[in-house]
């Protein structure tokens, strides 16, 4: 059987670096979701809360960014309102964690500090 040669690069996931602000925002969302989940389990409710759903959406967005920042479901585009934490000339991107909801959450990120890395800059409701 002949060996097939390809010129395609093997997609490797990016490493993530978090700003202090983004790390705190993610931890707060996670803590809120966990607290509500415990309360829901003790009261025997089956439907997830808003906090649980929001954390799940943000976590999925972060995972998709790590795997492929160009994923079409992220709706990534350049955001002008923030400065890149490592290089002022570098672009900051906005990814959708939610869409078509009031104060929909966004994940702001940028490439770097090195090749193969993404920096999560902020996780906030849409301004």
C-alpha atoms as a PDB file:
ATOM      1  CA  UNK A   1       0.000   0.000   0.000  1.00  0.00           C
ATOM      2  CA  UNK A   2       1.562   3.348  -1.007  1.00  0.00           C
ATOM      3  CA  UNK A   3       2.297   5.970   1.617  1.00  0.00           C
ATOM      4  CA  UNK A   4       0.193   9.035   1.140  1.00  0.00           C
ATOM      5  CA  UNK A   5       2.023  12.334   1.507  1.00  0.00           C
ATOM      6  CA  UNK A   6       0.167  15.405   2.627  1.00  0.00           C
ATOM      7  CA  UNK A   7       1.171  18.997   3.012  1.00  0.00           C
ATOM      8  CA  UNK A   8      -1.484  19.684   5.644  1.00  0.00           C
ATOM      9  CA  UNK A   9      -0.210  20.708   9.043  1.00  0.00           C
ATOM     10  CA  UNK A  10      -1.420  18.691  11.965  1.00  0.00           C
ATOM     11  CA  UNK A  11      -3.636  20.920  14.059  1.00  0.00           C
ATOM     12  CA  UNK A  12      -2.353  21.096  17.588  1.00  0.00           C
ATOM     13  CA  UNK A  13      -4.394  22.705  20.331  1.00  0.00           C
ATOM     14  CA  UNK A  14      -3.205  26.037  21.661  1.00  0.00           C
ATOM     15  CA  UNK A  15      -1.881  26.500  25.180  1.00  0.00           C
ATOM     16  CA  UNK A  16      -3.872  28.991  27.228  1.00  0.00           C
ATOM     17  CA  UNK A  17      -2.582  31.844  29.339  1.00  0.00           C
ATOM     18  CA  UNK A  18      -5.029  33.792  31.469  1.00  0.00           C
ATOM     19  CA  UNK A  19      -4.896  37.373  32.656  1.00  0.00           C
ATOM     20  CA  UNK A  20      -5.682  37.784  36.347  1.00  0.00           C
ATOM     21  CA  UNK A  21      -8.981  39.462  35.459  1.00  0.00           C
ATOM     22  CA  UNK A  22     -10.079  36.634  33.131  1.00  0.00           C
ATOM     23  CA  UNK A  23      -9.036  33.974  35.630  1.00  0.00           C
ATOM     24  CA  UNK A  24     -11.080  35.645  38.374  1.00  0.00           C
ATOM     25  CA  UNK A  25     -14.100  36.036  36.089  1.00  0.00           C
ATOM     26  CA  UNK A  26     -13.962  32.368  35.055  1.00  0.00           C
ATOM     27  CA  UNK A  27     -13.580  31.236  38.692  1.00  0.00           C
ATOM     28  CA  UNK A  28     -16.555  33.369  39.763  1.00  0.00           C
ATOM     29  CA  UNK A  29     -18.755  31.917  37.009  1.00  0.00           C
ATOM     30  CA  UNK A  30     -17.676  28.391  37.955  1.00  0.00           C
ATOM     31  CA  UNK A  31     -18.257  28.940  41.673  1.00  0.00           C
ATOM     32  CA  UNK A  32     -21.721  30.376  41.042  1.00  0.00           C
ATOM     33  CA  UNK A  33     -22.663  27.442  38.810  1.00  0.00           C
ATOM     34  CA  UNK A  34     -21.387  24.890  41.348  1.00  0.00           C
ATOM     35  CA  UNK A  35     -23.307  26.505  44.233  1.00  0.00           C
ATOM     36  CA  UNK A  36     -26.550  26.563  42.264  1.00  0.00           C
ATOM     37  CA  UNK A  37     -25.966  22.989  41.114  1.00  0.00           C
ATOM     38  CA  UNK A  38     -25.605  21.784  44.730  1.00  0.00           C
ATOM     39  CA  UNK A  39     -28.767  23.607  45.744  1.00  0.00           C
ATOM     40  CA  UNK A  40     -30.635  22.218  42.734  1.00  0.00           C
ATOM     41  CA  UNK A  41     -29.516  18.662  43.560  1.00  0.00           C
ATOM     42  CA  UNK A  42     -30.608  18.990  47.184  1.00  0.00           C
ATOM     43  CA  UNK A  43     -34.037  20.280  46.147  1.00  0.00           C
ATOM     44  CA  UNK A  44     -34.323  17.543  43.474  1.00  0.00           C
ATOM     45  CA  UNK A  45     -34.874  19.863  40.551  1.00  0.00           C
ATOM     46  CA  UNK A  46     -33.830  18.539  37.166  1.00  0.00           C
ATOM     47  CA  UNK A  47     -33.727  21.732  35.101  1.00  0.00           C
ATOM     48  CA  UNK A  48     -30.389  23.563  34.968  1.00  0.00           C
ATOM     49  CA  UNK A  49     -30.210  27.155  36.130  1.00  0.00           C
ATOM     50  CA  UNK A  50     -29.046  30.200  34.189  1.00  0.00           C
ATOM     51  CA  UNK A  51     -25.726  30.201  36.058  1.00  0.00           C
ATOM     52  CA  UNK A  52     -25.074  26.562  35.134  1.00  0.00           C
ATOM     53  CA  UNK A  53     -25.973  27.207  31.506  1.00  0.00           C
ATOM     54  CA  UNK A  54     -23.809  30.329  31.325  1.00  0.00           C
ATOM     55  CA  UNK A  55     -20.776  28.539  32.761  1.00  0.00           C
ATOM     56  CA  UNK A  56     -21.282  25.634  30.361  1.00  0.00           C
ATOM     57  CA  UNK A  57     -21.407  28.046  27.399  1.00  0.00           C
ATOM     58  CA  UNK A  58     -18.296  29.938  28.506  1.00  0.00           C
ATOM     59  CA  UNK A  59     -16.383  26.692  29.131  1.00  0.00           C
ATOM     60  CA  UNK A  60     -17.376  25.425  25.671  1.00  0.00           C
ATOM     61  CA  UNK A  61     -16.204  28.687  24.083  1.00  0.00           C
ATOM     62  CA  UNK A  62     -12.828  28.433  25.842  1.00  0.00           C
ATOM     63  CA  UNK A  63     -12.464  24.817  24.704  1.00  0.00           C
ATOM     64  CA  UNK A  64     -13.307  25.722  21.090  1.00  0.00           C
ATOM     65  CA  UNK A  65     -10.801  28.585  21.193  1.00  0.00           C
ATOM     66  CA  UNK A  66      -8.134  26.220  22.457  1.00  0.00           C
ATOM     67  CA  UNK A  67      -8.839  23.730  19.670  1.00  0.00           C
ATOM     68  CA  UNK A  68      -9.468  26.136  16.795  1.00  0.00           C
ATOM     69  CA  UNK A  69      -9.793  29.917  17.195  1.00  0.00           C
ATOM     70  CA  UNK A  70     -11.216  30.112  13.669  1.00  0.00           C
ATOM     71  CA  UNK A  71     -14.179  27.864  14.478  1.00  0.00           C
ATOM     72  CA  UNK A  72     -17.241  29.372  12.803  1.00  0.00           C
ATOM     73  CA  UNK A  73     -19.431  28.951  15.888  1.00  0.00           C
ATOM     74  CA  UNK A  74     -17.267  31.394  17.820  1.00  0.00           C
ATOM     75  CA  UNK A  75     -18.062  34.303  15.473  1.00  0.00           C
ATOM     76  CA  UNK A  76     -14.637  35.796  16.253  1.00  0.00           C
ATOM     77  CA  UNK A  77     -13.858  39.298  15.140  1.00  0.00           C
ATOM     78  CA  UNK A  78     -11.402  42.038  16.041  1.00  0.00           C
ATOM     79  CA  UNK A  79     -12.342  44.156  19.046  1.00  0.00           C
ATOM     80  CA  UNK A  80     -11.016  47.707  19.320  1.00  0.00           C
ATOM     81  CA  UNK A  81     -11.887  48.497  22.954  1.00  0.00           C
ATOM     82  CA  UNK A  82      -9.107  46.539  24.695  1.00  0.00           C
ATOM     83  CA  UNK A  83      -5.336  46.558  24.473  1.00  0.00           C
ATOM     84  CA  UNK A  84      -3.371  43.335  24.108  1.00  0.00           C
ATOM     85  CA  UNK A  85      -1.561  42.609  27.401  1.00  0.00           C
ATOM     86  CA  UNK A  86       1.773  41.619  25.797  1.00  0.00           C
ATOM     87  CA  UNK A  87       2.053  43.631  22.604  1.00  0.00           C
ATOM     88  CA  UNK A  88       0.212  46.890  21.995  1.00  0.00           C
ATOM     89  CA  UNK A  89       0.457  46.314  18.228  1.00  0.00           C
ATOM     90  CA  UNK A  90      -1.246  42.904  18.433  1.00  0.00           C
ATOM     91  CA  UNK A  91      -4.995  42.551  17.861  1.00  0.00           C
ATOM     92  CA  UNK A  92      -7.563  41.629  20.493  1.00  0.00           C
ATOM     93  CA  UNK A  93     -10.354  39.316  19.372  1.00  0.00           C
ATOM     94  CA  UNK A  94     -13.907  38.844  20.611  1.00  0.00           C
ATOM     95  CA  UNK A  95     -15.553  35.395  20.647  1.00  0.00           C
ATOM     96  CA  UNK A  96     -19.235  34.805  21.325  1.00  0.00           C
ATOM     97  CA  UNK A  97     -20.113  32.610  24.302  1.00  0.00           C
ATOM     98  CA  UNK A  98     -23.766  33.569  23.887  1.00  0.00           C
ATOM     99  CA  UNK A  99     -25.768  35.140  21.121  1.00  0.00           C
ATOM    100  CA  UNK A 100     -29.191  36.768  20.895  1.00  0.00           C
ATOM    101  CA  UNK A 101     -29.574  37.148  24.661  1.00  0.00           C
ATOM    102  CA  UNK A 102     -29.582  40.332  26.724  1.00  0.00           C
ATOM    103  CA  UNK A 103     -26.049  41.083  27.972  1.00  0.00           C
ATOM    104  CA  UNK A 104     -24.684  38.107  26.058  1.00  0.00           C
ATOM    105  CA  UNK A 105     -21.289  36.961  27.343  1.00  0.00           C
ATOM    106  CA  UNK A 106     -18.135  37.415  25.290  1.00  0.00           C
ATOM    107  CA  UNK A 107     -14.602  36.058  25.650  1.00  0.00           C
ATOM    108  CA  UNK A 108     -11.852  38.509  24.703  1.00  0.00           C
ATOM    109  CA  UNK A 109      -8.560  36.948  23.677  1.00  0.00           C
ATOM    110  CA  UNK A 110      -5.370  37.472  21.727  1.00  0.00           C
ATOM    111  CA  UNK A 111      -2.553  35.439  20.207  1.00  0.00           C
ATOM    112  CA  UNK A 112       0.572  35.131  22.317  1.00  0.00           C
ATOM    113  CA  UNK A 113       2.690  35.624  24.367  1.00  0.00           C
ATOM    114  CA  UNK A 114       4.491  33.054  22.183  1.00  0.00           C
ATOM    115  CA  UNK A 115       3.682  31.016  19.118  1.00  0.00           C
ATOM    116  CA  UNK A 116       1.127  28.325  19.928  1.00  0.00           C
ATOM    117  CA  UNK A 117      -0.383  30.274  22.817  1.00  0.00           C
ATOM    118  CA  UNK A 118      -3.638  32.184  23.298  1.00  0.00           C
ATOM    119  CA  UNK A 119      -4.228  34.674  26.090  1.00  0.00           C
ATOM    120  CA  UNK A 120      -7.713  34.910  27.563  1.00  0.00           C
ATOM    121  CA  UNK A 121      -8.002  38.608  28.402  1.00  0.00           C
ATOM    122  CA  UNK A 122     -11.554  38.950  29.769  1.00  0.00           C
ATOM    123  CA  UNK A 123     -14.901  37.186  30.075  1.00  0.00           C
ATOM    124  CA  UNK A 124     -17.682  39.738  30.300  1.00  0.00           C
ATOM    125  CA  UNK A 125     -21.255  40.511  29.275  1.00  0.00           C
ATOM    126  CA  UNK A 126     -21.465  42.401  26.011  1.00  0.00           C
ATOM    127  CA  UNK A 127     -21.121  46.121  26.662  1.00  0.00           C
END
